[in-house]
Amino acid sequence: MSVSGSYKVSRIELDTFKSQWPCNGMPDNLETVTFDFDRGDLVDIYARDDHGRWLDSSEFDGPALVALSNDAQKKPLGALIVSTLRSVRAQHEAIMLHQKEMQMSAFIVSDKHIGAIVSFAIDRRASYYWKTNHSRTDINKENASEIGQKLLDENFRSVNHRYRESGKPSVYKFKRPATRFEAVDILKAINCLDYQSCETDDWSESEAWSILDGIKNCAIRNLPGYENSNGWSL
């Protein structure tokens, strides 16, 4: 019987498959692959890396990926996410979820993104106040990696909460980006990271939120024309 439905290949299954295909061409950070079938025909492929980011499967398309999809299609119906009777609904939900994610509902920002924010904070001597421990912290070269890790951890916590996943953040090591960004660029970068990190109910109580808020206020003060503005008391 032709199979319709979706099958998600886990990291364990991928590692087993790769051991049988030494020259498979698949990236080392490939975490999951989901195949969508319609009456035996492969209609779509969704791939994610170990940071939860979407991957373009066309970049590693080839005999190995075809073989993997064939193996997935031969799985017992009980191993499929949905049976034939539920396949249409499941495919629709998967497509809708994919579209929402591609519209930036929540994603993991790059290390460069975090590095740009932290670099700006160091150069402009930004600090933040976290009311939980009633202390103010200066952001500098010595704690740059720690600050970046806190931002990355909250970003992961948000995405995991949003998509009911359990992705693990990598160890963040501060690296100054080659490009020097202006205050307006950093404000937009902060707004993006804030949006990607706000899915949890206690986001505004987190230390990461306080860090971004401190850097945001610093960036505002460094906008062109702000220092000489007469708007402090109108």
C-alpha atoms as a PDB file:
ATOM      1  CA  MET A   1       0.000   0.000   0.000  1.00  0.00           C
ATOM      2  CA  SER A   2       1.303   3.469  -0.870  1.00  0.00           C
ATOM      3  CA  VAL A   3       2.192   5.532   2.147  1.00  0.00           C
ATOM      4  CA  SER A   4       0.810   8.987   2.874  1.00  0.00           C
ATOM      5  CA  GLY A   5       1.891  10.999   5.853  1.00  0.00           C
ATOM      6  CA  SER A   6       5.003  12.376   7.501  1.00  0.00           C
ATOM      7  CA  TYR A   7       7.974  10.602   9.023  1.00  0.00           C
ATOM      8  CA  LYS A   8      10.583  12.361  11.148  1.00  0.00           C
ATOM      9  CA  VAL A   9      14.037  10.776  11.111  1.00  0.00           C
ATOM     10  CA  SER A  10      15.724  11.338  14.471  1.00  0.00           C
ATOM     11  CA  ARG A  11      19.399  12.112  15.112  1.00  0.00           C
ATOM     12  CA  ILE A  12      19.988   8.535  16.280  1.00  0.00           C
ATOM     13  CA  GLU A  13      18.464   7.158  13.078  1.00  0.00           C
ATOM     14  CA  LEU A  14      20.487   9.630  11.012  1.00  0.00           C
ATOM     15  CA  ASP A  15      23.738   8.604  12.689  1.00  0.00           C
ATOM     16  CA  THR A  16      22.963   4.935  12.045  1.00  0.00           C
ATOM     17  CA  PHE A  17      22.174   5.673   8.412  1.00  0.00           C
ATOM     18  CA  LYS A  18      25.320   7.785   7.949  1.00  0.00           C
ATOM     19  CA  SER A  19      27.493   4.972   9.268  1.00  0.00           C
ATOM     20  CA  GLN A  20      26.209   2.866   6.359  1.00  0.00           C
ATOM     21  CA  TRP A  21      26.772   5.704   3.844  1.00  0.00           C
ATOM     22  CA  PRO A  22      30.280   7.107   4.542  1.00  0.00           C
ATOM     23  CA  CYS A  23      30.064   9.574   1.632  1.00  0.00           C
ATOM     24  CA  ASN A  24      26.481  10.640   2.270  1.00  0.00           C
ATOM     25  CA  GLY A  25      27.093  14.383   1.786  1.00  0.00           C
ATOM     26  CA  MET A  26      24.849  15.307   4.708  1.00  0.00           C
ATOM     27  CA  PRO A  27      26.033  18.050   7.088  1.00  0.00           C
ATOM     28  CA  ASP A  28      27.463  17.022  10.452  1.00  0.00           C
ATOM     29  CA  ASN A  29      25.037  19.304  12.303  1.00  0.00           C
ATOM     30  CA  LEU A  30      21.938  17.711  10.744  1.00  0.00           C
ATOM     31  CA  GLU A  31      19.611  16.934  13.647  1.00  0.00           C
ATOM     32  CA  THR A  32      16.324  15.796  12.061  1.00  0.00           C
ATOM     33  CA  VAL A  33      14.811  15.249   8.634  1.00  0.00           C
ATOM     34  CA  THR A  34      11.065  15.025   8.063  1.00  0.00           C
ATOM     35  CA  PHE A  35       9.719  13.515   4.845  1.00  0.00           C
ATOM     36  CA  ASP A  36       6.162  14.183   3.649  1.00  0.00           C
ATOM     37  CA  PHE A  37       4.612  11.469   1.463  1.00  0.00           C
ATOM     38  CA  ASP A  38       1.451  11.571  -0.614  1.00  0.00           C
ATOM     39  CA  ARG A  39       0.402   8.096  -1.782  1.00  0.00           C
ATOM     40  CA  GLY A  40       4.010   7.014  -2.044  1.00  0.00           C
ATOM     41  CA  ASP A  41       5.330  10.211  -3.622  1.00  0.00           C
ATOM     42  CA  LEU A  42       7.774  12.392  -1.730  1.00  0.00           C
ATOM     43  CA  VAL A  43       6.271  15.881  -1.699  1.00  0.00           C
ATOM     44  CA  ASP A  44       8.433  17.808   0.778  1.00  0.00           C
ATOM     45  CA  ILE A  45      11.483  17.612   3.027  1.00  0.00           C
ATOM     46  CA  TYR A  46      12.067  19.603   6.214  1.00  0.00           C
ATOM     47  CA  ALA A  47      15.564  19.549   7.729  1.00  0.00           C
ATOM     48  CA  ARG A  48      16.880  21.126  10.941  1.00  0.00           C
ATOM     49  CA  ASP A  49      20.328  21.484  12.465  1.00  0.00           C
ATOM     50  CA  ASP A  50      21.337  20.883  16.080  1.00  0.00           C
ATOM     51  CA  HIS A  51      20.549  24.528  16.921  1.00  0.00           C
ATOM     52  CA  GLY A  52      16.987  24.288  15.666  1.00  0.00           C
ATOM     53  CA  ARG A  53      17.658  26.263  12.493  1.00  0.00           C
ATOM     54  CA  TRP A  54      16.082  25.259   9.185  1.00  0.00           C
ATOM     55  CA  LEU A  55      18.430  23.794   6.576  1.00  0.00           C
ATOM     56  CA  ASP A  56      18.002  23.775   2.807  1.00  0.00           C
ATOM     57  CA  SER A  57      17.862  20.078   1.933  1.00  0.00           C
ATOM     58  CA  SER A  58      18.689  20.857  -1.705  1.00  0.00           C
ATOM     59  CA  GLU A  59      22.257  21.582  -0.580  1.00  0.00           C
ATOM     60  CA  PHE A  60      22.783  17.924   0.336  1.00  0.00           C
ATOM     61  CA  ASP A  61      20.333  16.310  -2.070  1.00  0.00           C
ATOM     62  CA  GLY A  62      21.655  13.138  -3.653  1.00  0.00           C
ATOM     63  CA  PRO A  63      21.538   9.333  -3.623  1.00  0.00           C
ATOM     64  CA  ALA A  64      21.930   9.143   0.157  1.00  0.00           C
ATOM     65  CA  LEU A  65      18.975  11.436   0.843  1.00  0.00           C
ATOM     66  CA  VAL A  66      16.873   9.488  -1.660  1.00  0.00           C
ATOM     67  CA  ALA A  67      17.817   6.232   0.063  1.00  0.00           C
ATOM     68  CA  LEU A  68      16.930   7.730   3.430  1.00  0.00           C
ATOM     69  CA  SER A  69      13.499   8.772   2.148  1.00  0.00           C
ATOM     70  CA  ASN A  70      12.948   5.269   0.763  1.00  0.00           C
ATOM     71  CA  ASP A  71      13.816   3.778   4.157  1.00  0.00           C
ATOM     72  CA  ALA A  72      11.391   6.171   5.822  1.00  0.00           C
ATOM     73  CA  GLN A  73       8.618   5.210   3.415  1.00  0.00           C
ATOM     74  CA  LYS A  74       9.150   1.508   4.179  1.00  0.00           C
ATOM     75  CA  LYS A  75       8.676   2.037   7.915  1.00  0.00           C
ATOM     76  CA  PRO A  76       5.610   0.357   9.436  1.00  0.00           C
ATOM     77  CA  LEU A  77       2.584   2.612   9.500  1.00  0.00           C
ATOM     78  CA  GLY A  78       2.735   2.573  13.286  1.00  0.00           C
ATOM     79  CA  ALA A  79       6.091   4.303  13.096  1.00  0.00           C
ATOM     80  CA  LEU A  80       4.747   7.111  10.961  1.00  0.00           C
ATOM     81  CA  ILE A  81       3.618  10.289  12.628  1.00  0.00           C
ATOM     82  CA  VAL A  82       0.213   9.930  10.991  1.00  0.00           C
ATOM     83  CA  SER A  83      -1.608   7.111   9.317  1.00  0.00           C
ATOM     84  CA  THR A  84      -3.073   7.240   5.837  1.00  0.00           C
ATOM     85  CA  LEU A  85      -6.438   8.393   7.158  1.00  0.00           C
ATOM     86  CA  ARG A  86      -4.857  11.354   8.966  1.00  0.00           C
ATOM     87  CA  SER A  87      -2.226  12.291   6.414  1.00  0.00           C
ATOM     88  CA  VAL A  88      -4.015  15.197   4.754  1.00  0.00           C
ATOM     89  CA  ARG A  89      -4.590  16.932   8.084  1.00  0.00           C
ATOM     90  CA  ALA A  90      -1.040  16.233   9.274  1.00  0.00           C
ATOM     91  CA  GLN A  91       0.519  17.570   6.064  1.00  0.00           C
ATOM     92  CA  HIS A  92      -1.575  20.719   6.287  1.00  0.00           C
ATOM     93  CA  GLU A  93      -0.506  21.310   9.904  1.00  0.00           C
ATOM     94  CA  ALA A  94       3.146  20.670   9.046  1.00  0.00           C
ATOM     95  CA  ILE A  95       3.033  23.132   6.160  1.00  0.00           C
ATOM     96  CA  MET A  96       1.306  25.774   8.279  1.00  0.00           C
ATOM     97  CA  LEU A  97       3.855  25.332  11.055  1.00  0.00           C
ATOM     98  CA  HIS A  98       6.719  25.585   8.578  1.00  0.00           C
ATOM     99  CA  GLN A  99       5.258  28.758   7.088  1.00  0.00           C
ATOM    100  CA  LYS A 100       4.838  30.326  10.528  1.00  0.00           C
ATOM    101  CA  GLU A 101       8.411  29.526  11.454  1.00  0.00           C
ATOM    102  CA  MET A 102       9.713  30.941   8.191  1.00  0.00           C
ATOM    103  CA  GLN A 103       7.802  34.130   9.033  1.00  0.00           C
ATOM    104  CA  MET A 104      10.137  34.468  12.033  1.00  0.00           C
ATOM    105  CA  SER A 105       7.814  33.346  14.829  1.00  0.00           C
ATOM    106  CA  ALA A 106      10.957  32.448  16.755  1.00  0.00           C
ATOM    107  CA  PHE A 107      14.410  31.347  15.707  1.00  0.00           C
ATOM    108  CA  ILE A 108      17.939  31.090  17.059  1.00  0.00           C
ATOM    109  CA  VAL A 109      20.033  34.109  16.124  1.00  0.00           C
ATOM    110  CA  SER A 110      23.620  33.700  14.971  1.00  0.00           C
ATOM    111  CA  ASP A 111      26.714  34.110  17.133  1.00  0.00           C
ATOM    112  CA  LYS A 112      27.578  37.098  14.932  1.00  0.00           C
ATOM    113  CA  HIS A 113      24.257  38.704  15.862  1.00  0.00           C
ATOM    114  CA  ILE A 114      24.997  38.365  19.569  1.00  0.00           C
ATOM    115  CA  GLY A 115      28.628  39.368  19.034  1.00  0.00           C
ATOM    116  CA  ALA A 116      27.583  42.625  17.368  1.00  0.00           C
ATOM    117  CA  ILE A 117      25.335  43.537  20.301  1.00  0.00           C
ATOM    118  CA  VAL A 118      27.966  42.691  22.915  1.00  0.00           C
ATOM    119  CA  SER A 119      30.731  44.487  20.962  1.00  0.00           C
ATOM    120  CA  PHE A 120      28.668  47.661  20.873  1.00  0.00           C
ATOM    121  CA  ALA A 121      28.023  47.382  24.594  1.00  0.00           C
ATOM    122  CA  ILE A 122      31.744  47.044  25.322  1.00  0.00           C
ATOM    123  CA  ASP A 123      32.752  49.937  23.071  1.00  0.00           C
ATOM    124  CA  ARG A 124      30.083  52.263  24.496  1.00  0.00           C
ATOM    125  CA  ARG A 125      30.592  51.101  28.091  1.00  0.00           C
ATOM    126  CA  ALA A 126      27.054  49.867  28.554  1.00  0.00           C
ATOM    127  CA  SER A 127      25.800  48.387  31.807  1.00  0.00           C
ATOM    128  CA  TYR A 128      22.587  46.817  33.030  1.00  0.00           C
ATOM    129  CA  TYR A 129      20.647  46.582  36.247  1.00  0.00           C
ATOM    130  CA  TRP A 130      18.973  43.300  37.178  1.00  0.00           C
ATOM    131  CA  LYS A 131      16.395  43.796  39.879  1.00  0.00           C
ATOM    132  CA  THR A 132      16.472  40.134  40.957  1.00  0.00           C
ATOM    133  CA  ASN A 133      19.890  40.517  42.584  1.00  0.00           C
ATOM    134  CA  HIS A 134      19.734  44.328  42.952  1.00  0.00           C
ATOM    135  CA  SER A 135      23.038  44.937  41.231  1.00  0.00           C
ATOM    136  CA  ARG A 136      24.429  46.809  38.239  1.00  0.00           C
ATOM    137  CA  THR A 137      26.918  45.070  35.954  1.00  0.00           C
ATOM    138  CA  ASP A 138      29.300  46.699  33.489  1.00  0.00           C
ATOM    139  CA  ILE A 139      29.685  44.889  30.170  1.00  0.00           C
ATOM    140  CA  ASN A 140      33.357  44.514  29.256  1.00  0.00           C
ATOM    141  CA  LYS A 141      35.853  42.220  27.569  1.00  0.00           C
ATOM    142  CA  GLU A 142      36.219  40.095  30.679  1.00  0.00           C
ATOM    143  CA  ASN A 143      32.547  39.088  30.891  1.00  0.00           C
ATOM    144  CA  ALA A 144      31.684  39.327  27.168  1.00  0.00           C
ATOM    145  CA  SER A 145      31.414  35.557  26.669  1.00  0.00           C
ATOM    146  CA  GLU A 146      29.298  35.197  29.808  1.00  0.00           C
ATOM    147  CA  ILE A 147      26.964  37.993  28.688  1.00  0.00           C
ATOM    148  CA  GLY A 148      26.613  36.440  25.225  1.00  0.00           C
ATOM    149  CA  GLN A 149      25.911  33.018  26.754  1.00  0.00           C
ATOM    150  CA  LYS A 150      23.052  34.443  28.830  1.00  0.00           C
ATOM    151  CA  LEU A 151      21.507  35.960  25.696  1.00  0.00           C
ATOM    152  CA  LEU A 152      21.908  32.722  23.722  1.00  0.00           C
ATOM    153  CA  ASP A 153      20.495  30.590  26.544  1.00  0.00           C
ATOM    154  CA  GLU A 154      17.317  32.679  26.760  1.00  0.00           C
ATOM    155  CA  ASN A 155      16.934  32.596  22.989  1.00  0.00           C
ATOM    156  CA  PHE A 156      17.033  28.795  23.122  1.00  0.00           C
ATOM    157  CA  ARG A 157      14.634  28.681  26.057  1.00  0.00           C
ATOM    158  CA  SER A 158      12.154  30.770  24.090  1.00  0.00           C
ATOM    159  CA  VAL A 159      12.358  28.665  20.917  1.00  0.00           C
ATOM    160  CA  ASN A 160      12.130  25.428  22.920  1.00  0.00           C
ATOM    161  CA  HIS A 161       9.039  26.744  24.693  1.00  0.00           C
ATOM    162  CA  ARG A 162       7.448  27.928  21.458  1.00  0.00           C
ATOM    163  CA  TYR A 163       7.933  24.676  19.551  1.00  0.00           C
ATOM    164  CA  ARG A 164       7.978  22.215  22.477  1.00  0.00           C
ATOM    165  CA  GLU A 165      11.536  21.202  21.723  1.00  0.00           C
ATOM    166  CA  SER A 166      14.595  20.550  23.852  1.00  0.00           C
ATOM    167  CA  GLY A 167      17.459  22.051  21.876  1.00  0.00           C
ATOM    168  CA  LYS A 168      20.697  22.689  23.761  1.00  0.00           C
ATOM    169  CA  PRO A 169      22.639  25.934  23.285  1.00  0.00           C
ATOM    170  CA  SER A 170      26.273  25.673  22.316  1.00  0.00           C
ATOM    171  CA  VAL A 171      29.034  27.192  24.424  1.00  0.00           C
ATOM    172  CA  TYR A 172      29.235  30.824  23.385  1.00  0.00           C
ATOM    173  CA  LYS A 173      32.632  32.430  22.976  1.00  0.00           C
ATOM    174  CA  PHE A 174      32.692  36.133  22.270  1.00  0.00           C
ATOM    175  CA  LYS A 175      34.141  37.132  18.916  1.00  0.00           C
ATOM    176  CA  ARG A 176      34.119  40.701  17.688  1.00  0.00           C
ATOM    177  CA  PRO A 177      32.545  40.928  14.197  1.00  0.00           C
ATOM    178  CA  ALA A 178      34.600  42.486  11.414  1.00  0.00           C
ATOM    179  CA  THR A 179      31.865  45.018  10.679  1.00  0.00           C
ATOM    180  CA  ARG A 180      31.384  48.008  12.960  1.00  0.00           C
ATOM    181  CA  PHE A 181      27.672  48.619  13.477  1.00  0.00           C
ATOM    182  CA  GLU A 182      26.000  51.923  14.289  1.00  0.00           C
ATOM    183  CA  ALA A 183      23.565  52.512  17.134  1.00  0.00           C
ATOM    184  CA  VAL A 184      20.521  52.215  14.870  1.00  0.00           C
ATOM    185  CA  ASP A 185      21.743  48.812  13.623  1.00  0.00           C
ATOM    186  CA  ILE A 186      22.175  47.599  17.184  1.00  0.00           C
ATOM    187  CA  LEU A 187      18.706  48.800  18.163  1.00  0.00           C
ATOM    188  CA  LYS A 188      17.212  46.729  15.369  1.00  0.00           C
ATOM    189  CA  ALA A 189      19.386  43.732  16.305  1.00  0.00           C
ATOM    190  CA  ILE A 190      18.207  44.058  19.912  1.00  0.00           C
ATOM    191  CA  ASN A 191      14.562  44.242  18.847  1.00  0.00           C
ATOM    192  CA  CYS A 192      15.068  41.087  16.780  1.00  0.00           C
ATOM    193  CA  LEU A 193      16.676  39.147  19.635  1.00  0.00           C
ATOM    194  CA  ASP A 194      14.013  40.403  22.028  1.00  0.00           C
ATOM    195  CA  TYR A 195      11.327  39.103  19.642  1.00  0.00           C
ATOM    196  CA  GLN A 196      13.023  35.709  19.344  1.00  0.00           C
ATOM    197  CA  SER A 197      13.399  35.412  23.126  1.00  0.00           C
ATOM    198  CA  CYS A 198       9.995  36.543  24.394  1.00  0.00           C
ATOM    199  CA  GLU A 199       7.993  33.303  24.123  1.00  0.00           C
ATOM    200  CA  THR A 200       8.348  32.379  27.799  1.00  0.00           C
ATOM    201  CA  ASP A 201       6.051  33.963  30.392  1.00  0.00           C
ATOM    202  CA  ASP A 202       8.938  35.213  32.527  1.00  0.00           C
ATOM    203  CA  TRP A 203      11.099  36.682  29.757  1.00  0.00           C
ATOM    204  CA  SER A 204      10.845  40.226  31.146  1.00  0.00           C
ATOM    205  CA  GLU A 205      12.041  38.944  34.539  1.00  0.00           C
ATOM    206  CA  SER A 206      15.165  37.295  33.126  1.00  0.00           C
ATOM    207  CA  GLU A 207      18.707  38.605  33.331  1.00  0.00           C
ATOM    208  CA  ALA A 208      18.962  38.427  29.536  1.00  0.00           C
ATOM    209  CA  TRP A 209      16.061  40.871  29.227  1.00  0.00           C
ATOM    210  CA  SER A 210      17.819  43.260  31.609  1.00  0.00           C
ATOM    211  CA  ILE A 211      21.022  42.960  29.557  1.00  0.00           C
ATOM    212  CA  LEU A 212      19.221  43.859  26.331  1.00  0.00           C
ATOM    213  CA  ASP A 213      17.363  46.684  28.049  1.00  0.00           C
ATOM    214  CA  GLY A 214      20.626  48.172  29.314  1.00  0.00           C
ATOM    215  CA  ILE A 215      22.290  47.965  25.894  1.00  0.00           C
ATOM    216  CA  LYS A 216      19.156  49.356  24.233  1.00  0.00           C
ATOM    217  CA  ASN A 217      19.199  52.430  26.468  1.00  0.00           C
ATOM    218  CA  CYS A 218      22.897  52.872  25.705  1.00  0.00           C
ATOM    219  CA  ALA A 219      22.233  52.645  21.946  1.00  0.00           C
ATOM    220  CA  ILE A 220      19.455  55.229  22.183  1.00  0.00           C
ATOM    221  CA  ARG A 221      21.820  57.665  23.912  1.00  0.00           C
ATOM    222  CA  ASN A 222      24.304  57.141  21.074  1.00  0.00           C
ATOM    223  CA  LEU A 223      21.881  57.910  18.259  1.00  0.00           C
ATOM    224  CA  PRO A 224      22.961  60.867  16.106  1.00  0.00           C
ATOM    225  CA  GLY A 225      21.552  64.100  17.488  1.00  0.00           C
ATOM    226  CA  TYR A 226      20.453  62.638  20.808  1.00  0.00           C
ATOM    227  CA  GLU A 227      23.167  64.248  22.950  1.00  0.00           C
ATOM    228  CA  ASN A 228      22.437  67.779  21.660  1.00  0.00           C
ATOM    229  CA  SER A 229      18.663  67.420  21.675  1.00  0.00           C
ATOM    230  CA  ASN A 230      16.611  69.805  23.850  1.00  0.00           C
ATOM    231  CA  GLY A 231      13.949  67.149  24.419  1.00  0.00           C
ATOM    232  CA  TRP A 232      14.918  66.226  27.997  1.00  0.00           C
ATOM    233  CA  SER A 233      12.501  68.824  29.356  1.00  0.00           C
ATOM    234  CA  LEU A 234       9.957  70.198  26.902  1.00  0.00           C
END
